[in-house]
Amino acid sequence: MIINPVNITDKAIDQIRRIMSEKKIPEFYGLRVGVRGGGCRGEVTNMLGFDTRNDYDLEFRIRDITLYLDKRQTMFLVGTTIDYYRDDQEEGFIFLKKSSP
Protein backbone atom coordinates (compact mmCIF):
# COMPACT_ATOMS: atom_id res chain seq x y z
CA MET A 1 0.00 0.00 0.00
CA ILE A 2 1.38 3.39 -1.03
CA ILE A 3 0.71 6.23 1.38
CA ASN A 4 0.20 9.72 -0.03
CA PRO A 5 3.03 11.93 1.31
CA VAL A 6 0.87 15.07 1.02
CA ASN A 7 -2.53 15.89 2.49
CA ILE A 8 -4.93 18.59 1.25
CA THR A 9 -7.61 20.18 3.42
CA ASP A 10 -11.20 20.52 2.27
CA LYS A 11 -10.80 24.32 1.97
CA ALA A 12 -7.79 23.87 -0.32
CA ILE A 13 -9.57 21.26 -2.46
CA ASP A 14 -12.55 23.59 -2.89
CA GLN A 15 -10.22 26.39 -3.98
CA ILE A 16 -8.31 24.10 -6.39
CA ARG A 17 -11.60 23.06 -8.00
CA ARG A 18 -12.66 26.72 -8.29
CA ILE A 19 -9.39 27.69 -9.97
CA MET A 20 -9.58 24.73 -12.37
CA SER A 21 -13.11 25.73 -13.34
CA GLU A 22 -12.42 29.47 -13.71
CA LYS A 23 -9.17 28.97 -15.65
CA LYS A 24 -10.66 26.12 -17.69
CA ILE A 25 -7.82 23.75 -16.77
CA PRO A 26 -8.25 20.54 -18.82
CA GLU A 27 -9.39 17.48 -16.87
CA PHE A 28 -6.26 15.52 -17.84
CA TYR A 29 -4.11 18.02 -15.91
CA GLY A 30 -3.29 17.43 -12.27
CA LEU A 31 -2.01 19.51 -9.40
CA ARG A 32 1.79 19.49 -9.33
CA VAL A 33 3.16 19.75 -5.81
CA GLY A 34 6.87 20.33 -5.61
CA VAL A 35 9.82 22.22 -4.27
CA ARG A 36 12.29 24.58 -5.84
CA GLY A 37 15.82 24.94 -4.52
CA GLY A 38 17.10 28.37 -3.86
CA GLY A 39 19.98 30.33 -2.56
CA CYS A 40 23.31 29.31 -1.16
CA ARG A 41 21.76 28.22 2.16
CA GLY A 42 20.08 25.24 0.52
CA GLU A 43 16.56 26.34 1.37
CA VAL A 44 13.64 25.03 -0.64
CA THR A 45 10.42 26.79 -1.57
CA ASN A 46 7.15 24.91 -1.98
CA MET A 47 5.29 25.27 -5.25
CA LEU A 48 1.91 24.43 -6.75
CA GLY A 49 0.78 24.43 -10.35
CA PHE A 50 -1.25 22.54 -12.92
CA ASP A 51 0.63 20.15 -15.16
CA THR A 52 0.57 16.81 -16.94
CA ARG A 53 2.37 13.71 -15.71
CA ASN A 54 6.12 13.39 -16.30
CA ASP A 55 8.33 10.28 -16.36
CA TYR A 56 9.65 10.84 -12.82
CA ASP A 57 6.27 11.55 -11.22
CA LEU A 58 4.38 9.71 -8.55
CA GLU A 59 0.63 10.03 -9.02
CA PHE A 60 -1.87 10.22 -6.16
CA ARG A 61 -5.57 11.02 -5.86
CA ILE A 62 -7.11 12.99 -3.05
CA ARG A 63 -10.84 12.91 -3.52
CA ASP A 64 -11.21 13.95 -7.16
CA ILE A 65 -7.91 15.84 -7.45
CA THR A 66 -4.93 14.16 -9.14
CA LEU A 67 -1.56 15.10 -7.62
CA TYR A 68 1.80 14.77 -9.33
CA LEU A 69 4.98 14.69 -7.26
CA ASP A 70 8.46 14.28 -8.69
CA LYS A 71 9.92 11.14 -7.04
CA ARG A 72 13.16 13.01 -6.38
CA GLN A 73 11.32 15.65 -4.30
CA THR A 74 9.22 13.33 -2.15
CA MET A 75 11.55 13.54 0.87
CA PHE A 76 10.93 17.29 1.05
CA LEU A 77 7.14 16.86 0.94
CA VAL A 78 6.41 13.92 3.26
CA GLY A 79 4.09 15.04 6.05
CA THR A 80 3.03 18.25 4.31
CA THR A 81 -0.57 19.48 4.47
CA ILE A 82 -1.74 22.01 1.89
CA ASP A 83 -4.36 24.40 3.24
CA TYR A 84 -6.04 27.53 1.96
CA TYR A 85 -6.01 30.67 4.10
CA ARG A 86 -8.14 33.79 3.72
CA ASP A 87 -8.70 36.82 5.90
CA ASP A 88 -9.52 40.49 5.27
CA GLN A 89 -6.04 41.33 3.99
CA GLU A 90 -4.57 38.24 2.34
CA GLU A 91 -5.32 34.81 0.96
CA GLY A 92 -3.48 31.90 -0.56
CA PHE A 93 -2.30 28.35 -0.24
CA ILE A 94 -0.09 27.50 2.71
CA PHE A 95 2.11 24.47 3.31
CA LEU A 96 2.06 23.07 6.83
CA LYS A 97 4.83 20.64 7.75
CA LYS A 98 4.32 17.93 10.32
CA SER A 99 6.75 18.42 13.17
CA SER A 100 9.21 15.66 13.90
CA PRO A 101 8.85 14.13 17.39
PDB file of N, CA and C in Angstrom:
ATOM      1  N   MET A   1       0.843  -1.189   0.000  1.00  0.00           N
ATOM      2  CA  MET A   1       0.000   0.000   0.000  1.00  0.00           C
ATOM      3  C   MET A   1       0.883   1.245   0.000  1.00  0.00           C
ATOM      4  N   ILE A   2       0.624   2.145  -0.932  1.00  0.00           N
ATOM      5  CA  ILE A   2       1.379   3.393  -1.030  1.00  0.00           C
ATOM      6  C   ILE A   2       0.611   4.465  -0.278  1.00  0.00           C
ATOM      7  N   ILE A   3       1.321   5.160   0.593  1.00  0.00           N
ATOM      8  CA  ILE A   3       0.708   6.233   1.377  1.00  0.00           C
ATOM      9  C   ILE A   3       1.032   7.561   0.716  1.00  0.00           C
ATOM     10  N   ASN A   4       0.019   8.400   0.568  1.00  0.00           N
ATOM     11  CA  ASN A   4       0.204   9.718  -0.027  1.00  0.00           C
ATOM     12  C   ASN A   4       1.055  10.573   0.913  1.00  0.00           C
ATOM     13  N   PRO A   5       2.174  11.115   0.442  1.00  0.00           N
ATOM     14  CA  PRO A   5       3.034  11.927   1.313  1.00  0.00           C
ATOM     15  C   PRO A   5       2.462  13.312   1.618  1.00  0.00           C
ATOM     16  N   VAL A   6       1.438  13.725   0.875  1.00  0.00           N
ATOM     17  CA  VAL A   6       0.867  15.067   1.020  1.00  0.00           C
ATOM     18  C   VAL A   6      -0.624  14.948   1.328  1.00  0.00           C
ATOM     19  N   ASN A   7      -1.109  15.821   2.190  1.00  0.00           N
ATOM     20  CA  ASN A   7      -2.533  15.894   2.490  1.00  0.00           C
ATOM     21  C   ASN A   7      -3.052  17.251   2.025  1.00  0.00           C
ATOM     22  N   ILE A   8      -4.323  17.319   1.659  1.00  0.00           N
ATOM     23  CA  ILE A   8      -4.932  18.586   1.249  1.00  0.00           C
ATOM     24  C   ILE A   8      -6.225  18.756   2.038  1.00  0.00           C
ATOM     25  N   THR A   9      -6.396  19.925   2.648  1.00  0.00           N
ATOM     26  CA  THR A   9      -7.610  20.181   3.420  1.00  0.00           C
ATOM     27  C   THR A   9      -8.796  20.398   2.487  1.00  0.00           C
ATOM     28  N   ASP A  10      -9.987  20.292   3.054  1.00  0.00           N
ATOM     29  CA  ASP A  10     -11.204  20.521   2.272  1.00  0.00           C
ATOM     30  C   ASP A  10     -11.245  21.934   1.688  1.00  0.00           C
ATOM     31  N   LYS A  11     -10.816  22.934   2.475  1.00  0.00           N
ATOM     32  CA  LYS A  11     -10.799  24.322   1.968  1.00  0.00           C
ATOM     33  C   LYS A  11      -9.889  24.444   0.758  1.00  0.00           C
ATOM     34  N   ALA A  12      -8.726  23.797   0.803  1.00  0.00           N
ATOM     35  CA  ALA A  12      -7.790  23.870  -0.317  1.00  0.00           C
ATOM     36  C   ALA A  12      -8.349  23.142  -1.542  1.00  0.00           C
ATOM     37  N   ILE A  13      -8.979  21.997  -1.335  1.00  0.00           N
ATOM     38  CA  ILE A  13      -9.570  21.260  -2.460  1.00  0.00           C
ATOM     39  C   ILE A  13     -10.662  22.088  -3.120  1.00  0.00           C
ATOM     40  N   ASP A  14     -11.499  22.727  -2.321  1.00  0.00           N
ATOM     41  CA  ASP A  14     -12.548  23.586  -2.890  1.00  0.00           C
ATOM     42  C   ASP A  14     -11.942  24.704  -3.732  1.00  0.00           C
ATOM     43  N   GLN A  15     -10.869  25.296  -3.251  1.00  0.00           N
ATOM     44  CA  GLN A  15     -10.215  26.386  -3.978  1.00  0.00           C
ATOM     45  C   GLN A  15      -9.554  25.872  -5.253  1.00  0.00           C
ATOM     46  N   ILE A  16      -8.935  24.699  -5.196  1.00  0.00           N
ATOM     47  CA  ILE A  16      -8.311  24.105  -6.386  1.00  0.00           C
ATOM     48  C   ILE A  16      -9.370  23.850  -7.454  1.00  0.00           C
ATOM     49  N   ARG A  17     -10.501  23.299  -7.048  1.00  0.00           N
ATOM     50  CA  ARG A  17     -11.601  23.065  -7.997  1.00  0.00           C
ATOM     51  C   ARG A  17     -12.080  24.373  -8.617  1.00  0.00           C
ATOM     52  N   ARG A  18     -12.204  25.417  -7.796  1.00  0.00           N
ATOM     53  CA  ARG A  18     -12.662  26.717  -8.286  1.00  0.00           C
ATOM     54  C   ARG A  18     -11.686  27.262  -9.329  1.00  0.00           C
ATOM     55  N   ILE A  19     -10.404  27.193  -9.036  1.00  0.00           N
ATOM     56  CA  ILE A  19      -9.385  27.688  -9.969  1.00  0.00           C
ATOM     57  C   ILE A  19      -9.425  26.892 -11.274  1.00  0.00           C
ATOM     58  N   MET A  20      -9.533  25.571 -11.165  1.00  0.00           N
ATOM     59  CA  MET A  20      -9.581  24.735 -12.369  1.00  0.00           C
ATOM     60  C   MET A  20     -10.783  25.097 -13.240  1.00  0.00           C
ATOM     61  N   SER A  21     -11.906  25.369 -12.598  1.00  0.00           N
ATOM     62  CA  SER A  21     -13.110  25.730 -13.336  1.00  0.00           C
ATOM     63  C   SER A  21     -12.971  27.113 -13.979  1.00  0.00           C
ATOM     64  N   GLU A  22     -12.539  28.096 -13.189  1.00  0.00           N
ATOM     65  CA  GLU A  22     -12.422  29.470 -13.705  1.00  0.00           C
ATOM     66  C   GLU A  22     -11.379  29.589 -14.805  1.00  0.00           C
ATOM     67  N   LYS A  23     -10.266  28.885 -14.663  1.00  0.00           N
ATOM     68  CA  LYS A  23      -9.172  28.973 -15.647  1.00  0.00           C
ATOM     69  C   LYS A  23      -9.317  27.950 -16.765  1.00  0.00           C
ATOM     70  N   LYS A  24     -10.391  27.144 -16.684  1.00  0.00           N
ATOM     71  CA  LYS A  24     -10.656  26.119 -17.694  1.00  0.00           C
ATOM     72  C   LYS A  24      -9.459  25.174 -17.880  1.00  0.00           C
ATOM     73  N   ILE A  25      -8.924  24.705 -16.747  1.00  0.00           N
ATOM     74  CA  ILE A  25      -7.820  23.755 -16.767  1.00  0.00           C
ATOM     75  C   ILE A  25      -8.364  22.417 -17.271  1.00  0.00           C
ATOM     76  N   PRO A  26      -7.740  21.818 -18.288  1.00  0.00           N
ATOM     77  CA  PRO A  26      -8.247  20.543 -18.816  1.00  0.00           C
ATOM     78  C   PRO A  26      -8.270  19.454 -17.743  1.00  0.00           C
ATOM     79  N   GLU A  27      -9.215  18.541 -17.859  1.00  0.00           N
ATOM     80  CA  GLU A  27      -9.388  17.477 -16.874  1.00  0.00           C
ATOM     81  C   GLU A  27      -8.187  16.539 -16.794  1.00  0.00           C
ATOM     82  N   PHE A  28      -7.402  16.420 -17.871  1.00  0.00           N
ATOM     83  CA  PHE A  28      -6.255  15.519 -17.836  1.00  0.00           C
ATOM     84  C   PHE A  28      -5.046  16.150 -17.141  1.00  0.00           C
ATOM     85  N   TYR A  29      -5.157  17.387 -16.702  1.00  0.00           N
ATOM     86  CA  TYR A  29      -4.106  18.020 -15.913  1.00  0.00           C
ATOM     87  C   TYR A  29      -4.320  17.667 -14.451  1.00  0.00           C
ATOM     88  N   GLY A  30      -3.230  17.662 -13.705  1.00  0.00           N
ATOM     89  CA  GLY A  30      -3.295  17.432 -12.274  1.00  0.00           C
ATOM     90  C   GLY A  30      -2.604  18.565 -11.546  1.00  0.00           C
ATOM     91  N   LEU A  31      -2.667  18.513 -10.232  1.00  0.00           N
ATOM     92  CA  LEU A  31      -2.009  19.507  -9.403  1.00  0.00           C
ATOM     93  C   LEU A  31      -0.588  19.047  -9.128  1.00  0.00           C
ATOM     94  N   ARG A  32       0.382  19.809  -9.605  1.00  0.00           N
ATOM     95  CA  ARG A  32       1.786  19.493  -9.330  1.00  0.00           C
ATOM     96  C   ARG A  32       2.169  20.134  -8.010  1.00  0.00           C
ATOM     97  N   VAL A  33       2.664  19.295  -7.104  1.00  0.00           N
ATOM     98  CA  VAL A  33       3.164  19.747  -5.815  1.00  0.00           C
ATOM     99  C   VAL A  33       4.653  19.485  -5.829  1.00  0.00           C
ATOM    100  N   GLY A  34       5.433  20.515  -5.542  1.00  0.00           N
ATOM    101  CA  GLY A  34       6.872  20.330  -5.614  1.00  0.00           C
ATOM    102  C   GLY A  34       7.626  21.338  -4.784  1.00  0.00           C
ATOM    103  N   VAL A  35       8.924  21.278  -4.934  1.00  0.00           N
ATOM    104  CA  VAL A  35       9.816  22.223  -4.267  1.00  0.00           C
ATOM    105  C   VAL A  35      10.795  22.765  -5.288  1.00  0.00           C
ATOM    106  N   ARG A  36      11.291  23.933  -4.992  1.00  0.00           N
ATOM    107  CA  ARG A  36      12.285  24.579  -5.842  1.00  0.00           C
ATOM    108  C   ARG A  36      13.440  24.969  -4.923  1.00  0.00           C
ATOM    109  N   GLY A  37      14.639  24.578  -5.295  1.00  0.00           N
ATOM    110  CA  GLY A  37      15.820  24.944  -4.517  1.00  0.00           C
ATOM    111  C   GLY A  37      16.139  26.411  -4.710  1.00  0.00           C
ATOM    112  N   GLY A  38      16.767  26.963  -3.712  1.00  0.00           N
ATOM    113  CA  GLY A  38      17.095  28.372  -3.856  1.00  0.00           C
ATOM    114  C   GLY A  38      18.173  28.825  -2.907  1.00  0.00           C
ATOM    115  N   GLY A  39      18.989  29.686  -3.400  1.00  0.00           N
ATOM    116  CA  GLY A  39      19.984  30.326  -2.560  1.00  0.00           C
ATOM    117  C   GLY A  39      21.125  29.415  -2.152  1.00  0.00           C
ATOM    118  N   CYS A  40      22.114  30.039  -1.569  1.00  0.00           N
ATOM    119  CA  CYS A  40      23.308  29.306  -1.161  1.00  0.00           C
ATOM    120  C   CYS A  40      23.104  28.596   0.177  1.00  0.00           C
ATOM    121  N   ARG A  41      22.021  28.875   0.871  1.00  0.00           N
ATOM    122  CA  ARG A  41      21.764  28.222   2.160  1.00  0.00           C
ATOM    123  C   ARG A  41      21.032  26.896   1.992  1.00  0.00           C
ATOM    124  N   GLY A  42      20.714  26.523   0.774  1.00  0.00           N
ATOM    125  CA  GLY A  42      20.084  25.239   0.516  1.00  0.00           C
ATOM    126  C   GLY A  42      18.612  25.170   0.876  1.00  0.00           C
ATOM    127  N   GLU A  43      17.973  26.309   1.023  1.00  0.00           N
ATOM    128  CA  GLU A  43      16.558  26.341   1.367  1.00  0.00           C
ATOM    129  C   GLU A  43      15.716  25.942   0.156  1.00  0.00           C
ATOM    130  N   VAL A  44      14.554  25.378   0.439  1.00  0.00           N
ATOM    131  CA  VAL A  44      13.636  25.028  -0.638  1.00  0.00           C
ATOM    132  C   VAL A  44      12.342  25.810  -0.454  1.00  0.00           C
ATOM    133  N   THR A  45      11.700  26.104  -1.562  1.00  0.00           N
ATOM    134  CA  THR A  45      10.420  26.793  -1.574  1.00  0.00           C
ATOM    135  C   THR A  45       9.384  25.844  -2.140  1.00  0.00           C
ATOM    136  N   ASN A  46       8.235  25.754  -1.486  1.00  0.00           N
ATOM    137  CA  ASN A  46       7.154  24.910  -1.982  1.00  0.00           C
ATOM    138  C   ASN A  46       6.491  25.571  -3.175  1.00  0.00           C
ATOM    139  N   MET A  47       5.959  24.733  -4.073  1.00  0.00           N
ATOM    140  CA  MET A  47       5.288  25.274  -5.255  1.00  0.00           C
ATOM    141  C   MET A  47       4.078  24.421  -5.616  1.00  0.00           C
ATOM    142  N   LEU A  48       3.112  25.068  -6.242  1.00  0.00           N
ATOM    143  CA  LEU A  48       1.907  24.428  -6.753  1.00  0.00           C
ATOM    144  C   LEU A  48       1.681  24.895  -8.175  1.00  0.00           C
ATOM    145  N   GLY A  49       1.131  24.044  -8.995  1.00  0.00           N
ATOM    146  CA  GLY A  49       0.776  24.427 -10.348  1.00  0.00           C
ATOM    147  C   GLY A  49      -0.004  23.310 -11.005  1.00  0.00           C
ATOM    148  N   PHE A  50      -0.522  23.557 -12.171  1.00  0.00           N
ATOM    149  CA  PHE A  50      -1.252  22.538 -12.916  1.00  0.00           C
ATOM    150  C   PHE A  50      -0.368  22.045 -14.048  1.00  0.00           C
ATOM    151  N   ASP A  51      -0.328  20.734 -14.223  1.00  0.00           N
ATOM    152  CA  ASP A  51       0.625  20.152 -15.159  1.00  0.00           C
ATOM    153  C   ASP A  51       0.134  18.758 -15.563  1.00  0.00           C
ATOM    154  N   THR A  52       0.810  18.192 -16.561  1.00  0.00           N
ATOM    155  CA  THR A  52       0.570  16.805 -16.940  1.00  0.00           C
ATOM    156  C   THR A  52       1.654  15.938 -16.305  1.00  0.00           C
ATOM    157  N   ARG A  53       1.448  14.650 -16.347  1.00  0.00           N
ATOM    158  CA  ARG A  53       2.372  13.711 -15.712  1.00  0.00           C
ATOM    159  C   ARG A  53       3.685  13.625 -16.483  1.00  0.00           C
ATOM    160  N   ASN A  54       4.790  13.560 -15.732  1.00  0.00           N
ATOM    161  CA  ASN A  54       6.123  13.387 -16.301  1.00  0.00           C
ATOM    162  C   ASN A  54       6.646  11.998 -15.956  1.00  0.00           C
ATOM    163  N   ASP A  55       7.749  11.605 -16.579  1.00  0.00           N
ATOM    164  CA  ASP A  55       8.330  10.276 -16.362  1.00  0.00           C
ATOM    165  C   ASP A  55       8.722  10.009 -14.914  1.00  0.00           C
ATOM    166  N   TYR A  56       9.159  11.030 -14.183  1.00  0.00           N
ATOM    167  CA  TYR A  56       9.645  10.837 -12.817  1.00  0.00           C
ATOM    168  C   TYR A  56       8.577  11.070 -11.756  1.00  0.00           C
ATOM    169  N   ASP A  57       7.336  11.206 -12.161  1.00  0.00           N
ATOM    170  CA  ASP A  57       6.274  11.547 -11.219  1.00  0.00           C
ATOM    171  C   ASP A  57       5.673  10.344 -10.514  1.00  0.00           C
ATOM    172  N   LEU A  58       5.290  10.580  -9.271  1.00  0.00           N
ATOM    173  CA  LEU A  58       4.378   9.705  -8.554  1.00  0.00           C
ATOM    174  C   LEU A  58       3.005  10.335  -8.721  1.00  0.00           C
ATOM    175  N   GLU A  59       1.987   9.509  -8.828  1.00  0.00           N
ATOM    176  CA  GLU A  59       0.634  10.027  -9.021  1.00  0.00           C
ATOM    177  C   GLU A  59      -0.244   9.561  -7.871  1.00  0.00           C
ATOM    178  N   PHE A  60      -0.967  10.511  -7.266  1.00  0.00           N
ATOM    179  CA  PHE A  60      -1.871  10.224  -6.164  1.00  0.00           C
ATOM    180  C   PHE A  60      -3.211  10.891  -6.431  1.00  0.00           C
ATOM    181  N   ARG A  61      -4.257  10.376  -5.786  1.00  0.00           N
ATOM    182  CA  ARG A  61      -5.573  11.017  -5.864  1.00  0.00           C
ATOM    183  C   ARG A  61      -6.011  11.360  -4.454  1.00  0.00           C
ATOM    184  N   ILE A  62      -6.460  12.570  -4.290  1.00  0.00           N
ATOM    185  CA  ILE A  62      -7.112  12.992  -3.055  1.00  0.00           C
ATOM    186  C   ILE A  62      -8.483  13.483  -3.473  1.00  0.00           C
ATOM    187  N   ARG A  63      -9.470  12.725  -3.039  1.00  0.00           N
ATOM    188  CA  ARG A  63     -10.840  12.912  -3.515  1.00  0.00           C
ATOM    189  C   ARG A  63     -10.817  12.910  -5.038  1.00  0.00           C
ATOM    190  N   ASP A  64     -11.203  13.972  -5.694  1.00  0.00           N
ATOM    191  CA  ASP A  64     -11.210  13.952  -7.163  1.00  0.00           C
ATOM    192  C   ASP A  64     -10.067  14.755  -7.769  1.00  0.00           C
ATOM    193  N   ILE A  65      -9.054  15.065  -6.968  1.00  0.00           N
ATOM    194  CA  ILE A  65      -7.907  15.836  -7.448  1.00  0.00           C
ATOM    195  C   ILE A  65      -6.720  14.890  -7.654  1.00  0.00           C
ATOM    196  N   THR A  66      -6.127  14.930  -8.855  1.00  0.00           N
ATOM    197  CA  THR A  66      -4.928  14.155  -9.138  1.00  0.00           C
ATOM    198  C   THR A  66      -3.716  15.001  -8.774  1.00  0.00           C
ATOM    199  N   LEU A  67      -2.798  14.418  -8.017  1.00  0.00           N
ATOM    200  CA  LEU A  67      -1.562  15.099  -7.619  1.00  0.00           C
ATOM    201  C   LEU A  67      -0.384  14.435  -8.308  1.00  0.00           C
ATOM    202  N   TYR A  68       0.545  15.257  -8.774  1.00  0.00           N
ATOM    203  CA  TYR A  68       1.797  14.773  -9.332  1.00  0.00           C
ATOM    204  C   TYR A  68       2.931  15.283  -8.460  1.00  0.00           C
ATOM    205  N   LEU A  69       3.802  14.360  -8.043  1.00  0.00           N
ATOM    206  CA  LEU A  69       4.984  14.695  -7.260  1.00  0.00           C
ATOM    207  C   LEU A  69       6.186  14.051  -7.923  1.00  0.00           C
ATOM    208  N   ASP A  70       7.216  14.816  -8.153  1.00  0.00           N
ATOM    209  CA  ASP A  70       8.455  14.279  -8.692  1.00  0.00           C
ATOM    210  C   ASP A  70       9.058  13.357  -7.625  1.00  0.00           C
ATOM    211  N   LYS A  71       9.370  12.126  -7.992  1.00  0.00           N
ATOM    212  CA  LYS A  71       9.919  11.144  -7.041  1.00  0.00           C
ATOM    213  C   LYS A  71      11.130  11.699  -6.297  1.00  0.00           C
ATOM    214  N   ARG A  72      11.927  12.491  -6.975  1.00  0.00           N
ATOM    215  CA  ARG A  72      13.157  13.014  -6.377  1.00  0.00           C
ATOM    216  C   ARG A  72      12.890  14.080  -5.323  1.00  0.00           C
ATOM    217  N   GLN A  73      11.656  14.594  -5.257  1.00  0.00           N
ATOM    218  CA  GLN A  73      11.323  15.649  -4.295  1.00  0.00           C
ATOM    219  C   GLN A  73      10.485  15.150  -3.122  1.00  0.00           C
ATOM    220  N   THR A  74      10.133  13.878  -3.146  1.00  0.00           N
ATOM    221  CA  THR A  74       9.219  13.329  -2.149  1.00  0.00           C
ATOM    222  C   THR A  74       9.722  13.555  -0.729  1.00  0.00           C
ATOM    223  N   MET A  75      11.014  13.387  -0.489  1.00  0.00           N
ATOM    224  CA  MET A  75      11.547  13.536   0.872  1.00  0.00           C
ATOM    225  C   MET A  75      11.312  14.936   1.443  1.00  0.00           C
ATOM    226  N   PHE A  76      11.187  15.929   0.587  1.00  0.00           N
ATOM    227  CA  PHE A  76      10.927  17.289   1.052  1.00  0.00           C
ATOM    228  C   PHE A  76       9.448  17.535   1.338  1.00  0.00           C
ATOM    229  N   LEU A  77       8.582  16.641   0.850  1.00  0.00           N
ATOM    230  CA  LEU A  77       7.140  16.858   0.939  1.00  0.00           C
ATOM    231  C   LEU A  77       6.421  15.949   1.927  1.00  0.00           C
ATOM    232  N   VAL A  78       7.062  14.872   2.348  1.00  0.00           N
ATOM    233  CA  VAL A  78       6.415  13.925   3.261  1.00  0.00           C
ATOM    234  C   VAL A  78       5.935  14.658   4.511  1.00  0.00           C
ATOM    235  N   GLY A  79       4.667  14.433   4.849  1.00  0.00           N
ATOM    236  CA  GLY A  79       4.094  15.038   6.046  1.00  0.00           C
ATOM    237  C   GLY A  79       3.545  16.443   5.844  1.00  0.00           C
ATOM    238  N   THR A  80       3.519  16.908   4.604  1.00  0.00           N
ATOM    239  CA  THR A  80       3.028  18.252   4.312  1.00  0.00           C
ATOM    240  C   THR A  80       1.516  18.245   4.129  1.00  0.00           C
ATOM    241  N   THR A  81       0.858  19.250   4.704  1.00  0.00           N
ATOM    242  CA  THR A  81      -0.567  19.477   4.467  1.00  0.00           C
ATOM    243  C   THR A  81      -0.708  20.799   3.732  1.00  0.00           C
ATOM    244  N   ILE A  82      -1.464  20.785   2.650  1.00  0.00           N
ATOM    245  CA  ILE A  82      -1.739  22.008   1.895  1.00  0.00           C
ATOM    246  C   ILE A  82      -3.099  22.524   2.341  1.00  0.00           C
ATOM    247  N   ASP A  83      -3.129  23.772   2.774  1.00  0.00           N
ATOM    248  CA  ASP A  83      -4.356  24.396   3.245  1.00  0.00           C
ATOM    249  C   ASP A  83      -4.560  25.684   2.463  1.00  0.00           C
ATOM    250  N   TYR A  84      -5.737  26.254   2.597  1.00  0.00           N
ATOM    251  CA  TYR A  84      -6.036  27.535   1.960  1.00  0.00           C
ATOM    252  C   TYR A  84      -6.433  28.505   3.059  1.00  0.00           C
ATOM    253  N   TYR A  85      -5.803  29.674   3.057  1.00  0.00           N
ATOM    254  CA  TYR A  85      -6.006  30.674   4.097  1.00  0.00           C
ATOM    255  C   TYR A  85      -6.592  31.936   3.486  1.00  0.00           C
ATOM    256  N   ARG A  86      -7.559  32.519   4.182  1.00  0.00           N
ATOM    257  CA  ARG A  86      -8.141  33.785   3.724  1.00  0.00           C
ATOM    258  C   ARG A  86      -8.559  34.604   4.933  1.00  0.00           C
ATOM    259  N   ASP A  87      -8.174  35.869   4.919  1.00  0.00           N
ATOM    260  CA  ASP A  87      -8.700  36.820   5.900  1.00  0.00           C
ATOM    261  C   ASP A  87      -8.966  38.134   5.169  1.00  0.00           C
ATOM    262  N   ASP A  88      -9.171  39.215   5.896  1.00  0.00           N
ATOM    263  CA  ASP A  88      -9.524  40.494   5.269  1.00  0.00           C
ATOM    264  C   ASP A  88      -8.401  41.087   4.412  1.00  0.00           C
ATOM    265  N   GLN A  89      -7.153  40.686   4.673  1.00  0.00           N
ATOM    266  CA  GLN A  89      -6.037  41.331   3.992  1.00  0.00           C
ATOM    267  C   GLN A  89      -5.260  40.438   3.031  1.00  0.00           C
ATOM    268  N   GLU A  90      -5.350  39.120   3.217  1.00  0.00           N
ATOM    269  CA  GLU A  90      -4.574  38.242   2.344  1.00  0.00           C
ATOM    270  C   GLU A  90      -5.242  36.879   2.216  1.00  0.00           C
ATOM    271  N   GLU A  91      -4.830  36.168   1.174  1.00  0.00           N
ATOM    272  CA  GLU A  91      -5.322  34.811   0.961  1.00  0.00           C
ATOM    273  C   GLU A  91      -4.322  34.057   0.127  1.00  0.00           C
ATOM    274  N   GLY A  92      -4.357  32.731   0.254  1.00  0.00           N
ATOM    275  CA  GLY A  92      -3.484  31.901  -0.560  1.00  0.00           C
ATOM    276  C   GLY A  92      -3.292  30.524   0.037  1.00  0.00           C
ATOM    277  N   PHE A  93      -2.600  29.693  -0.700  1.00  0.00           N
ATOM    278  CA  PHE A  93      -2.297  28.352  -0.236  1.00  0.00           C
ATOM    279  C   PHE A  93      -1.126  28.413   0.725  1.00  0.00           C
ATOM    280  N   ILE A  94      -1.195  27.589   1.758  1.00  0.00           N
ATOM    281  CA  ILE A  94      -0.093  27.498   2.709  1.00  0.00           C
ATOM    282  C   ILE A  94       0.294  26.034   2.869  1.00  0.00           C
ATOM    283  N   PHE A  95       1.566  25.801   3.112  1.00  0.00           N
ATOM    284  CA  PHE A  95       2.108  24.466   3.312  1.00  0.00           C
ATOM    285  C   PHE A  95       2.440  24.321   4.787  1.00  0.00           C
ATOM    286  N   LEU A  96       1.826  23.341   5.422  1.00  0.00           N
ATOM    287  CA  LEU A  96       2.056  23.074   6.834  1.00  0.00           C
ATOM    288  C   LEU A  96       2.839  21.780   6.938  1.00  0.00           C
ATOM    289  N   LYS A  97       3.989  21.823   7.598  1.00  0.00           N
ATOM    290  CA  LYS A  97       4.828  20.641   7.751  1.00  0.00           C
ATOM    291  C   LYS A  97       4.567  20.001   9.104  1.00  0.00           C
ATOM    292  N   LYS A  98       4.468  18.680   9.092  1.00  0.00           N
ATOM    293  CA  LYS A  98       4.316  17.934  10.324  1.00  0.00           C
ATOM    294  C   LYS A  98       5.632  18.004  11.085  1.00  0.00           C
ATOM    295  N   SER A  99       5.542  18.334  12.355  1.00  0.00           N
ATOM    296  CA  SER A  99       6.747  18.420  13.172  1.00  0.00           C
ATOM    297  C   SER A  99       7.281  17.034  13.471  1.00  0.00           C
ATOM    298  N   SER A 100       8.577  16.926  13.512  1.00  0.00           N
ATOM    299  CA  SER A 100       9.208  15.660  13.901  1.00  0.00           C
ATOM    300  C   SER A 100       9.143  15.533  15.414  1.00  0.00           C
ATOM    301  N   PRO A 101       8.934  14.303  15.931  1.00  0.00           N
ATOM    302  CA  PRO A 101       8.851  14.129  17.390  1.00  0.00           C
ATOM    303  C   PRO A 101      10.164  14.388  18.071  1.00  0.00           C
TER     304      PRO A 101
END
